[in-house]
């Protein structure tokens, strides 16, 4: 699914880092725990938005 929250281990400029992605957008973090905390918040926010918009609407 293109709009799911994903965490990927990547290498950027020769350094290992973690990337949180939602669709084609992403943020990089140097620490895994920070990436996981951000991904959890993003996931919770998306779930809340889906609940607020009603059962038939889907979050973009």
PDB file of N, CA and C in Angstrom:
ATOM      1  N   UNK A   1       0.848  -1.186   0.000  1.00  0.00           N
ATOM      2  CA  UNK A   1       0.000   0.000   0.000  1.00  0.00           C
ATOM      3  C   UNK A   1       0.891   1.246   0.000  1.00  0.00           C
ATOM      4  N   UNK A   2       0.690   2.185  -0.906  1.00  0.00           N
ATOM      5  CA  UNK A   2       1.583   3.331  -1.006  1.00  0.00           C
ATOM      6  C   UNK A   2       1.470   4.330   0.146  1.00  0.00           C
ATOM      7  N   UNK A   3       0.377   4.355   0.872  1.00  0.00           N
ATOM      8  CA  UNK A   3       0.207   5.328   1.950  1.00  0.00           C
ATOM      9  C   UNK A   3       0.353   4.716   3.334  1.00  0.00           C
ATOM     10  N   UNK A   4       1.213   3.726   3.470  1.00  0.00           N
ATOM     11  CA  UNK A   4       1.454   3.173   4.795  1.00  0.00           C
ATOM     12  C   UNK A   4       2.763   3.732   5.338  1.00  0.00           C
ATOM     13  N   UNK A   5       2.876   3.785   6.646  1.00  0.00           N
ATOM     14  CA  UNK A   5       4.081   4.287   7.302  1.00  0.00           C
ATOM     15  C   UNK A   5       5.111   3.155   7.304  1.00  0.00           C
ATOM     16  N   UNK A   6       6.308   3.453   6.784  1.00  0.00           N
ATOM     17  CA  UNK A   6       7.364   2.447   6.713  1.00  0.00           C
ATOM     18  C   UNK A   6       8.656   3.000   7.295  1.00  0.00           C
ATOM     19  N   UNK A   7       9.464   2.115   7.870  1.00  0.00           N
ATOM     20  CA  UNK A   7      10.793   2.471   8.366  1.00  0.00           C
ATOM     21  C   UNK A   7      11.795   1.643   7.578  1.00  0.00           C
ATOM     22  N   UNK A   8      12.807   2.332   7.021  1.00  0.00           N
ATOM     23  CA  UNK A   8      13.825   1.652   6.223  1.00  0.00           C
ATOM     24  C   UNK A   8      15.205   2.012   6.745  1.00  0.00           C
ATOM     25  N   UNK A   9      16.091   1.030   6.837  1.00  0.00           N
ATOM     26  CA  UNK A   9      17.492   1.288   7.151  1.00  0.00           C
ATOM     27  C   UNK A   9      18.185   1.619   5.831  1.00  0.00           C
ATOM     28  N   UNK A  10      18.826   2.788   5.767  1.00  0.00           N
ATOM     29  CA  UNK A  10      19.491   3.212   4.534  1.00  0.00           C
ATOM     30  C   UNK A  10      20.880   3.748   4.847  1.00  0.00           C
ATOM     31  N   UNK A  11      21.652   3.981   3.804  1.00  0.00           N
ATOM     32  CA  UNK A  11      22.946   4.620   3.944  1.00  0.00           C
ATOM     33  C   UNK A  11      22.878   5.940   3.195  1.00  0.00           C
ATOM     34  N   UNK A  12      23.256   7.023   3.864  1.00  0.00           N
ATOM     35  CA  UNK A  12      23.221   8.357   3.266  1.00  0.00           C
ATOM     36  C   UNK A  12      24.557   9.035   3.518  1.00  0.00           C
ATOM     37  N   UNK A  13      25.240   9.382   2.450  1.00  0.00           N
ATOM     38  CA  UNK A  13      26.562  10.020   2.537  1.00  0.00           C
ATOM     39  C   UNK A  13      27.523   9.183   3.365  1.00  0.00           C
ATOM     40  N   UNK A  14      27.477   7.866   3.178  1.00  0.00           N
ATOM     41  CA  UNK A  14      28.386   6.962   3.863  1.00  0.00           C
ATOM     42  C   UNK A  14      28.034   6.644   5.303  1.00  0.00           C
ATOM     43  N   UNK A  15      26.895   7.127   5.770  1.00  0.00           N
ATOM     44  CA  UNK A  15      26.495   6.884   7.161  1.00  0.00           C
ATOM     45  C   UNK A  15      25.176   6.121   7.189  1.00  0.00           C
ATOM     46  N   UNK A  16      25.072   5.206   8.133  1.00  0.00           N
ATOM     47  CA  UNK A  16      23.827   4.459   8.310  1.00  0.00           C
ATOM     48  C   UNK A  16      22.792   5.359   8.973  1.00  0.00           C
ATOM     49  N   UNK A  17      21.570   5.311   8.474  1.00  0.00           N
ATOM     50  CA  UNK A  17      20.493   6.074   9.096  1.00  0.00           C
ATOM     51  C   UNK A  17      19.165   5.364   8.836  1.00  0.00           C
ATOM     52  N   UNK A  18      18.117   5.905   9.407  1.00  0.00           N
ATOM     53  CA  UNK A  18      16.789   5.320   9.320  1.00  0.00           C
ATOM     54  C   UNK A  18      15.863   6.314   8.643  1.00  0.00           C
ATOM     55  N   UNK A  19      15.076   5.822   7.701  1.00  0.00           N
ATOM     56  CA  UNK A  19      14.165   6.685   6.966  1.00  0.00           C
ATOM     57  C   UNK A  19      12.734   6.248   7.228  1.00  0.00           C
ATOM     58  N   UNK A  20      11.910   7.205   7.644  1.00  0.00           N
ATOM     59  CA  UNK A  20      10.476   6.964   7.836  1.00  0.00           C
ATOM     60  C   UNK A  20       9.786   7.486   6.586  1.00  0.00           C
ATOM     61  N   UNK A  21       9.002   6.622   5.938  1.00  0.00           N
ATOM     62  CA  UNK A  21       8.354   6.994   4.686  1.00  0.00           C
ATOM     63  C   UNK A  21       6.838   6.878   4.796  1.00  0.00           C
ATOM     64  N   UNK A  22       6.176   7.803   4.121  1.00  0.00           N
ATOM     65  CA  UNK A  22       4.728   7.765   3.950  1.00  0.00           C
ATOM     66  C   UNK A  22       4.488   8.127   2.491  1.00  0.00           C
ATOM     67  N   UNK A  23       4.170   7.121   1.688  1.00  0.00           N
ATOM     68  CA  UNK A  23       4.060   7.355   0.253  1.00  0.00           C
ATOM     69  C   UNK A  23       5.436   7.674  -0.310  1.00  0.00           C
ATOM     70  N   UNK A  24       5.542   8.753  -1.074  1.00  0.00           N
ATOM     71  CA  UNK A  24       6.831   9.123  -1.658  1.00  0.00           C
ATOM     72  C   UNK A  24       7.622  10.087  -0.780  1.00  0.00           C
ATOM     73  N   UNK A  25       7.064  10.526   0.317  1.00  0.00           N
ATOM     74  CA  UNK A  25       7.760  11.448   1.216  1.00  0.00           C
ATOM     75  C   UNK A  25       8.477  10.683   2.321  1.00  0.00           C
ATOM     76  N   UNK A  26       9.585  11.235   2.794  1.00  0.00           N
ATOM     77  CA  UNK A  26      10.320  10.560   3.847  1.00  0.00           C
ATOM     78  C   UNK A  26      11.179  11.516   4.650  1.00  0.00           C
ATOM     79  N   UNK A  27      11.488  11.112   5.868  1.00  0.00           N
ATOM     80  CA  UNK A  27      12.391  11.849   6.759  1.00  0.00           C
ATOM     81  C   UNK A  27      13.469  10.893   7.231  1.00  0.00           C
ATOM     82  N   UNK A  28      14.716  11.381   7.302  1.00  0.00           N
ATOM     83  CA  UNK A  28      15.821  10.553   7.772  1.00  0.00           C
ATOM     84  C   UNK A  28      16.175  10.901   9.214  1.00  0.00           C
ATOM     85  N   UNK A  29      16.532   9.868   9.965  1.00  0.00           N
ATOM     86  CA  UNK A  29      16.947  10.016  11.357  1.00  0.00           C
ATOM     87  C   UNK A  29      18.258   9.279  11.562  1.00  0.00           C
ATOM     88  N   UNK A  30      19.118   9.816  12.398  1.00  0.00           N
ATOM     89  CA  UNK A  30      20.391   9.165  12.704  1.00  0.00           C
ATOM     90  C   UNK A  30      20.206   8.030  13.705  1.00  0.00           C
ATOM     91  N   UNK A  31      19.170   8.098  14.519  1.00  0.00           N
ATOM     92  CA  UNK A  31      18.949   7.089  15.556  1.00  0.00           C
ATOM     93  C   UNK A  31      17.662   6.322  15.290  1.00  0.00           C
ATOM     94  N   UNK A  32      17.749   5.011  15.439  1.00  0.00           N
ATOM     95  CA  UNK A  32      16.595   4.157  15.176  1.00  0.00           C
ATOM     96  C   UNK A  32      15.435   4.453  16.118  1.00  0.00           C
ATOM     97  N   UNK A  33      15.718   4.682  17.392  1.00  0.00           N
ATOM     98  CA  UNK A  33      14.624   4.922  18.343  1.00  0.00           C
ATOM     99  C   UNK A  33      13.851   6.204  18.021  1.00  0.00           C
ATOM    100  N   UNK A  34      14.543   7.220  17.519  1.00  0.00           N
ATOM    101  CA  UNK A  34      13.849   8.443  17.112  1.00  0.00           C
ATOM    102  C   UNK A  34      12.970   8.199  15.891  1.00  0.00           C
ATOM    103  N   UNK A  35      13.463   7.417  14.946  1.00  0.00           N
ATOM    104  CA  UNK A  35      12.677   7.083  13.754  1.00  0.00           C
ATOM    105  C   UNK A  35      11.435   6.293  14.143  1.00  0.00           C
ATOM    106  N   UNK A  36      11.592   5.339  15.047  1.00  0.00           N
ATOM    107  CA  UNK A  36      10.450   4.525  15.469  1.00  0.00           C
ATOM    108  C   UNK A  36       9.419   5.357  16.240  1.00  0.00           C
ATOM    109  N   UNK A  37       9.884   6.268  17.075  1.00  0.00           N
ATOM    110  CA  UNK A  37       8.964   7.132  17.825  1.00  0.00           C
ATOM    111  C   UNK A  37       8.182   8.031  16.864  1.00  0.00           C
ATOM    112  N   UNK A  38       8.870   8.600  15.873  1.00  0.00           N
ATOM    113  CA  UNK A  38       8.194   9.449  14.896  1.00  0.00           C
ATOM    114  C   UNK A  38       7.186   8.639  14.084  1.00  0.00           C
ATOM    115  N   UNK A  39       7.577   7.440  13.655  1.00  0.00           N
ATOM    116  CA  UNK A  39       6.677   6.587  12.869  1.00  0.00           C
ATOM    117  C   UNK A  39       5.440   6.217  13.678  1.00  0.00           C
ATOM    118  N   UNK A  40       5.612   5.939  14.959  1.00  0.00           N
ATOM    119  CA  UNK A  40       4.472   5.592  15.813  1.00  0.00           C
ATOM    120  C   UNK A  40       3.513   6.775  15.937  1.00  0.00           C
ATOM    121  N   UNK A  41       4.049   7.980  16.114  1.00  0.00           N
ATOM    122  CA  UNK A  41       3.209   9.172  16.200  1.00  0.00           C
ATOM    123  C   UNK A  41       2.483   9.435  14.887  1.00  0.00           C
ATOM    124  N   UNK A  42       3.187   9.258  13.788  1.00  0.00           N
ATOM    125  CA  UNK A  42       2.588   9.462  12.472  1.00  0.00           C
ATOM    126  C   UNK A  42       1.460   8.459  12.227  1.00  0.00           C
ATOM    127  N   UNK A  43       1.697   7.200  12.585  1.00  0.00           N
ATOM    128  CA  UNK A  43       0.686   6.163  12.429  1.00  0.00           C
ATOM    129  C   UNK A  43      -0.547   6.480  13.281  1.00  0.00           C
ATOM    130  N   UNK A  44      -0.321   6.872  14.538  1.00  0.00           N
ATOM    131  CA  UNK A  44      -1.437   7.189  15.433  1.00  0.00           C
ATOM    132  C   UNK A  44      -2.235   8.381  14.907  1.00  0.00           C
ATOM    133  N   UNK A  45      -1.548   9.382  14.410  1.00  0.00           N
ATOM    134  CA  UNK A  45      -2.221  10.568  13.865  1.00  0.00           C
ATOM    135  C   UNK A  45      -3.071  10.206  12.645  1.00  0.00           C
ATOM    136  N   UNK A  46      -2.536   9.370  11.766  1.00  0.00           N
ATOM    137  CA  UNK A  46      -3.296   8.941  10.583  1.00  0.00           C
ATOM    138  C   UNK A  46      -4.526   8.133  10.986  1.00  0.00           C
ATOM    139  N   UNK A  47      -4.389   7.273  11.980  1.00  0.00           N
ATOM    140  CA  UNK A  47      -5.539   6.493  12.456  1.00  0.00           C
ATOM    141  C   UNK A  47      -6.608   7.421  13.023  1.00  0.00           C
ATOM    142  N   UNK A  48      -6.194   8.415  13.801  1.00  0.00           N
ATOM    143  CA  UNK A  48      -7.126   9.368  14.387  1.00  0.00           C
ATOM    144  C   UNK A  48      -7.849  10.147  13.291  1.00  0.00           C
ATOM    145  N   UNK A  49      -7.120  10.590  12.270  1.00  0.00           N
ATOM    146  CA  UNK A  49      -7.731  11.322  11.175  1.00  0.00           C
ATOM    147  C   UNK A  49      -8.758  10.461  10.431  1.00  0.00           C
ATOM    148  N   UNK A  50      -8.439   9.186  10.241  1.00  0.00           N
ATOM    149  CA  UNK A  50      -9.385   8.275   9.591  1.00  0.00           C
ATOM    150  C   UNK A  50     -10.661   8.138  10.415  1.00  0.00           C
ATOM    151  N   UNK A  51     -10.510   8.022  11.736  1.00  0.00           N
ATOM    152  CA  UNK A  51     -11.666   7.900  12.612  1.00  0.00           C
ATOM    153  C   UNK A  51     -12.517   9.169  12.586  1.00  0.00           C
ATOM    154  N   UNK A  52     -11.879  10.331  12.546  1.00  0.00           N
ATOM    155  CA  UNK A  52     -12.595  11.599  12.548  1.00  0.00           C
ATOM    156  C   UNK A  52     -13.348  11.855  11.254  1.00  0.00           C
ATOM    157  N   UNK A  53     -12.828  11.331  10.154  1.00  0.00           N
ATOM    158  CA  UNK A  53     -13.443  11.607   8.848  1.00  0.00           C
ATOM    159  C   UNK A  53     -14.598  10.670   8.542  1.00  0.00           C
ATOM    160  N   UNK A  54     -14.839   9.671   9.374  1.00  0.00           N
ATOM    161  CA  UNK A  54     -15.965   8.776   9.177  1.00  0.00           C
ATOM    162  C   UNK A  54     -15.556   7.442   8.584  1.00  0.00           C
ATOM    163  N   UNK A  55     -16.477   6.482   8.606  1.00  0.00           N
ATOM    164  CA  UNK A  55     -16.138   5.130   8.167  1.00  0.00           C
ATOM    165  C   UNK A  55     -15.934   4.986   6.662  1.00  0.00           C
ATOM    166  N   UNK A  56     -16.565   5.832   5.845  1.00  0.00           N
ATOM    167  CA  UNK A  56     -16.429   5.656   4.397  1.00  0.00           C
ATOM    168  C   UNK A  56     -15.299   6.467   3.793  1.00  0.00           C
ATOM    169  N   UNK A  57     -14.801   7.475   4.503  1.00  0.00           N
ATOM    170  CA  UNK A  57     -13.726   8.312   3.966  1.00  0.00           C
ATOM    171  C   UNK A  57     -12.374   7.683   4.260  1.00  0.00           C
ATOM    172  N   UNK A  58     -11.430   7.884   3.350  1.00  0.00           N
ATOM    173  CA  UNK A  58     -10.086   7.363   3.538  1.00  0.00           C
ATOM    174  C   UNK A  58      -9.111   8.508   3.528  1.00  0.00           C
ATOM    175  N   UNK A  59      -8.118   8.451   4.405  1.00  0.00           N
ATOM    176  CA  UNK A  59      -7.131   9.504   4.519  1.00  0.00           C
ATOM    177  C   UNK A  59      -6.198   9.462   3.304  1.00  0.00           C
ATOM    178  N   UNK A  60      -5.871  10.613   2.714  1.00  0.00           N
ATOM    179  CA  UNK A  60      -4.972  10.607   1.537  1.00  0.00           C
ATOM    180  C   UNK A  60      -3.563  10.241   1.891  1.00  0.00           C
TER     181      UNK A  60
END
